[in-house]
Amino acid sequence: MSQSANAGNNCTIVQAGRDAILSIPKSPPMIRLVRMEIADDHEHGALRQRLNIILKNNGDVTAFLLKGSLISSGNETIRLCHQIGMQFSLSQADFTYDVAIDESTPSFVGKHSIAPNEVVNFNVMVGRKSGGHEPTVYRCFLRFDFDEGDELQTDTFHLMISGPVVWQGGYQAQGPSPEQWGRCQADNIRRLDRIGYDYRDQIHADSRQYVEAVAPGIFDRKS
């Protein structure tokens, strides 16, 4: 996610209650992606992502949004380290969505005409066809195809999805040792770093000593 703010070449992205600037490397001259908000949507124990998208036509000719595509350029699953050694009871959730991020060409039909100076606002629910109860972080970007061959494309951002296999219960005879837990979390940090997602803030300050014990300095190497 780029923090550079060149007029007309960025939009506001809202995620986890925080505003940031998302770069728009490619767009038609008069079409503006004004804002995108990403919200968690929990259903039957699974996690989907709801994208609220706001587009504006600054031109004097009606534009037609033909198709939107959500393209993943990498993903890593977060291991739930406190569950090491657990035996699970799992089930399949009734998972509905507009776009499955694990399809070969994940896309949705646009069906939007945008008149001159008009603002359109619509939602896209993102899920996946297969996957377990541990959440997966996807690095992805959006592409919108308009009539006349015009295209708008965002910089990369992150989505988190779990399911449709969900956890109904489990049995754990013995939890992980501090060393096992620390190594598991260090592995999470390193793998998520590879897709540009900083997992460090998800680890409570009182527990970081166990990660530092097996990976000294890991909290100082933010990517």
Protein backbone atom coordinates (compact mmCIF):
# COMPACT_ATOMS: atom_id res chain seq x y z
CA MET A 1 0.00 0.00 0.00
CA SER A 2 1.60 3.26 -1.07
CA GLN A 3 1.51 6.29 1.21
CA SER A 4 2.34 8.76 -1.58
CA ALA A 5 -0.56 11.14 -2.23
CA ASN A 6 -0.52 12.55 -5.75
CA ALA A 7 -3.75 14.41 -6.57
CA GLY A 8 -6.11 12.29 -8.62
CA ASN A 9 -3.90 9.18 -8.35
CA ASN A 10 -5.00 7.86 -4.98
CA CYS A 11 -8.05 7.07 -2.90
CA THR A 12 -8.89 6.68 0.75
CA ILE A 13 -8.92 3.10 2.04
CA VAL A 14 -10.54 2.42 5.41
CA GLN A 15 -9.69 -0.83 7.19
CA ALA A 16 -9.92 -1.81 10.88
CA GLY A 17 -11.11 1.72 11.64
CA ARG A 18 -8.01 3.36 10.15
CA ASP A 19 -7.74 5.61 7.10
CA ALA A 20 -4.81 5.26 4.69
CA ILE A 21 -3.93 6.31 1.15
CA LEU A 22 -4.14 3.68 -1.59
CA SER A 23 -2.35 4.53 -4.83
CA ILE A 24 -4.15 4.21 -8.17
CA PRO A 25 -1.41 3.52 -10.73
CA LYS A 26 -3.83 3.30 -13.67
CA SER A 27 -7.20 4.96 -14.30
CA PRO A 28 -9.33 6.63 -17.01
CA PRO A 29 -8.87 10.43 -17.04
CA MET A 30 -12.31 11.23 -15.65
CA ILE A 31 -13.11 8.22 -13.42
CA ARG A 32 -12.11 8.45 -9.76
CA LEU A 33 -12.07 5.75 -7.10
CA VAL A 34 -12.95 8.01 -4.19
CA ARG A 35 -13.00 5.60 -1.28
CA MET A 36 -12.92 1.90 -0.42
CA GLU A 37 -13.87 0.54 2.99
CA ILE A 38 -13.04 -3.03 4.03
CA ALA A 39 -15.09 -4.57 6.83
CA ASP A 40 -14.98 -7.98 8.49
CA ASP A 41 -18.11 -10.08 8.02
CA HIS A 42 -18.44 -13.09 10.29
CA GLU A 43 -20.90 -15.79 9.23
CA HIS A 44 -21.28 -19.21 10.86
CA GLY A 45 -17.77 -18.97 12.31
CA ALA A 46 -16.12 -18.07 8.99
CA LEU A 47 -14.65 -14.70 8.01
CA ARG A 48 -15.52 -12.86 4.81
CA GLN A 49 -14.56 -9.35 3.71
CA ARG A 50 -17.10 -6.75 2.59
CA LEU A 51 -15.75 -4.10 0.24
CA ASN A 52 -17.72 -0.86 -0.01
CA ILE A 53 -16.61 0.96 -3.15
CA ILE A 54 -17.31 4.56 -4.15
CA LEU A 55 -16.64 5.69 -7.74
CA LYS A 56 -17.18 9.14 -9.29
CA ASN A 57 -17.38 10.26 -12.90
CA ASN A 58 -15.72 13.68 -13.24
CA GLY A 59 -16.24 13.77 -17.00
CA ASP A 60 -19.07 14.93 -19.26
CA VAL A 61 -19.88 11.51 -20.80
CA THR A 62 -21.60 8.55 -19.13
CA ALA A 63 -19.19 5.73 -18.28
CA PHE A 64 -20.17 2.06 -18.02
CA LEU A 65 -18.51 -0.26 -15.52
CA LEU A 66 -18.45 -3.63 -17.25
CA LYS A 67 -16.53 -5.81 -14.81
CA GLY A 68 -14.48 -5.77 -11.65
CA SER A 69 -11.65 -8.19 -10.87
CA LEU A 70 -9.93 -8.96 -7.56
CA ILE A 71 -6.48 -10.38 -8.24
CA SER A 72 -4.37 -12.03 -5.51
CA SER A 73 -0.61 -11.73 -5.83
CA GLY A 74 0.29 -13.80 -2.77
CA ASN A 75 -1.13 -15.22 0.45
CA GLU A 76 -0.07 -16.67 3.78
CA THR A 77 -2.13 -18.45 6.44
CA ILE A 78 -1.84 -17.34 10.06
CA ARG A 79 -1.22 -20.33 12.28
CA LEU A 80 -3.20 -20.12 15.53
CA CYS A 81 -0.31 -20.96 17.78
CA HIS A 82 -2.29 -21.58 20.97
CA GLN A 83 -4.00 -24.47 19.14
CA ILE A 84 -0.82 -26.50 18.59
CA GLY A 85 -1.58 -30.15 19.36
CA MET A 86 -5.35 -29.69 19.37
CA GLN A 87 -7.73 -32.26 17.92
CA PHE A 88 -10.58 -30.51 16.09
CA SER A 89 -14.22 -31.08 15.34
CA LEU A 90 -14.78 -29.33 12.01
CA SER A 91 -17.75 -28.62 9.78
CA GLN A 92 -18.52 -26.90 6.48
CA ALA A 93 -20.20 -23.48 6.71
CA ASP A 94 -22.81 -22.22 4.27
CA PHE A 95 -20.50 -19.64 2.69
CA THR A 96 -21.99 -17.08 0.28
CA TYR A 97 -20.08 -14.34 -1.55
CA ASP A 98 -19.92 -12.27 -4.73
CA VAL A 99 -16.28 -13.06 -5.47
CA ALA A 100 -14.22 -16.16 -4.54
CA ILE A 101 -10.66 -14.98 -4.12
CA ASP A 102 -9.28 -18.47 -4.78
CA GLU A 103 -10.79 -18.73 -8.27
CA SER A 104 -8.43 -18.57 -11.24
CA THR A 105 -10.07 -15.33 -12.47
CA PRO A 106 -12.06 -13.84 -9.56
CA SER A 107 -14.42 -11.21 -10.97
CA PHE A 108 -17.88 -9.69 -10.65
CA VAL A 109 -20.19 -8.11 -13.22
CA GLY A 110 -20.24 -4.33 -12.99
CA LYS A 111 -23.76 -3.42 -14.14
CA HIS A 112 -23.18 0.23 -13.31
CA SER A 113 -23.60 3.24 -15.56
CA ILE A 114 -22.07 6.39 -14.08
CA ALA A 115 -23.50 9.64 -15.43
CA PRO A 116 -21.41 12.83 -15.57
CA ASN A 117 -20.66 14.11 -12.05
CA GLU A 118 -22.45 11.07 -10.54
CA VAL A 119 -21.20 9.10 -7.55
CA VAL A 120 -22.01 5.37 -7.26
CA ASN A 121 -21.67 3.30 -4.12
CA PHE A 122 -21.82 -0.52 -4.07
CA ASN A 123 -20.71 -3.51 -1.98
CA VAL A 124 -18.75 -6.60 -2.97
CA MET A 125 -18.60 -9.60 -0.61
CA VAL A 126 -15.36 -11.58 -0.85
CA GLY A 127 -15.04 -15.20 0.27
CA ARG A 128 -13.36 -18.35 -1.00
CA LYS A 129 -14.34 -21.79 -2.24
CA SER A 130 -12.09 -23.81 0.05
CA GLY A 131 -9.98 -23.34 3.14
CA GLY A 132 -9.76 -24.08 6.84
CA HIS A 133 -10.61 -22.25 10.05
CA GLU A 134 -7.25 -20.49 10.32
CA PRO A 135 -7.33 -17.05 8.65
CA THR A 136 -5.43 -16.44 5.44
CA VAL A 137 -4.08 -13.00 4.51
CA TYR A 138 -4.27 -12.23 0.78
CA ARG A 139 -2.23 -9.52 -0.91
CA CYS A 140 -4.42 -8.33 -3.78
CA PHE A 141 -5.49 -5.46 -6.01
CA LEU A 142 -8.68 -4.38 -7.76
CA ARG A 143 -9.16 -3.77 -11.46
CA PHE A 144 -12.27 -2.17 -12.99
CA ASP A 145 -12.97 -2.49 -16.71
CA PHE A 146 -15.03 0.28 -18.33
CA ASP A 147 -16.41 0.75 -21.82
CA GLU A 148 -14.10 2.17 -24.49
CA GLY A 149 -11.37 -0.13 -23.16
CA ASP A 150 -10.66 2.07 -20.13
CA GLU A 151 -9.28 0.44 -16.98
CA LEU A 152 -8.77 1.49 -13.35
CA GLN A 153 -6.33 -0.44 -11.19
CA THR A 154 -5.40 -0.05 -7.54
CA ASP A 155 -2.16 -0.67 -5.72
CA THR A 156 -2.02 -3.76 -3.49
CA PHE A 157 -3.84 -4.07 -0.17
CA HIS A 158 -4.63 -6.97 2.18
CA LEU A 159 -7.75 -9.03 2.91
CA MET A 160 -8.21 -11.70 5.59
CA ILE A 161 -10.51 -14.70 5.02
CA SER A 162 -11.20 -17.93 6.89
CA GLY A 163 -13.50 -20.88 6.16
CA PRO A 164 -15.61 -22.33 4.76
CA VAL A 165 -14.34 -25.13 7.01
CA VAL A 166 -15.00 -23.92 10.55
CA TRP A 167 -14.08 -25.06 14.03
CA GLN A 168 -16.94 -26.51 16.10
CA GLY A 169 -14.85 -27.60 19.06
CA GLY A 170 -11.64 -29.30 20.00
CA TYR A 171 -9.63 -31.21 22.58
CA GLN A 172 -6.13 -30.31 23.66
CA ALA A 173 -4.41 -32.61 26.16
CA GLN A 174 -1.54 -30.17 26.58
CA GLY A 175 -0.96 -26.72 25.15
CA PRO A 176 2.25 -25.61 23.46
CA SER A 177 5.33 -24.82 25.49
CA PRO A 178 6.49 -21.17 25.54
CA GLU A 179 9.25 -22.11 23.08
CA GLN A 180 6.84 -23.84 20.69
CA TRP A 181 4.46 -20.88 20.84
CA GLY A 182 7.27 -18.41 20.27
CA ARG A 183 8.65 -20.30 17.26
CA CYS A 184 5.16 -20.54 15.78
CA GLN A 185 4.60 -16.79 16.09
CA ALA A 186 8.05 -15.99 14.71
CA ASP A 187 7.20 -18.12 11.69
CA ASN A 188 3.92 -16.21 11.26
CA ILE A 189 5.78 -12.90 11.31
CA ARG A 190 8.40 -13.99 8.75
CA ARG A 191 5.89 -15.51 6.31
CA LEU A 192 3.51 -12.55 6.47
CA ASP A 193 6.42 -10.15 5.98
CA ARG A 194 6.90 -11.75 2.56
CA ILE A 195 3.52 -10.43 1.39
CA GLY A 196 3.94 -7.04 3.04
CA TYR A 197 1.64 -7.68 6.02
CA ASP A 198 3.02 -6.72 9.43
CA TYR A 199 1.71 -9.23 11.98
CA ARG A 200 3.74 -7.94 14.93
CA ASP A 201 1.00 -5.75 16.38
CA GLN A 202 -1.26 -8.82 16.71
CA ILE A 203 1.01 -10.25 19.41
CA HIS A 204 0.33 -8.90 22.89
CA ALA A 205 3.20 -6.93 24.42
CA ASP A 206 3.31 -9.22 27.48
CA SER A 207 3.81 -12.28 25.24
CA ARG A 208 6.51 -10.89 22.97
CA GLN A 209 9.28 -12.11 25.26
CA TYR A 210 8.59 -15.70 24.16
CA VAL A 211 8.98 -14.75 20.50
CA GLU A 212 12.10 -12.67 21.19
CA ALA A 213 13.62 -15.62 23.06
CA VAL A 214 13.66 -17.75 19.89
CA ALA A 215 14.01 -14.91 17.34
CA PRO A 216 16.00 -12.04 18.88
CA GLY A 217 15.28 -8.65 17.30
CA ILE A 218 12.30 -9.83 15.26
CA PHE A 219 10.14 -6.95 16.49
CA ASP A 220 12.76 -4.44 15.32
CA ARG A 221 12.74 -5.59 11.69
CA LYS A 222 9.45 -4.23 10.43
CA SER A 223 9.12 -4.40 6.64
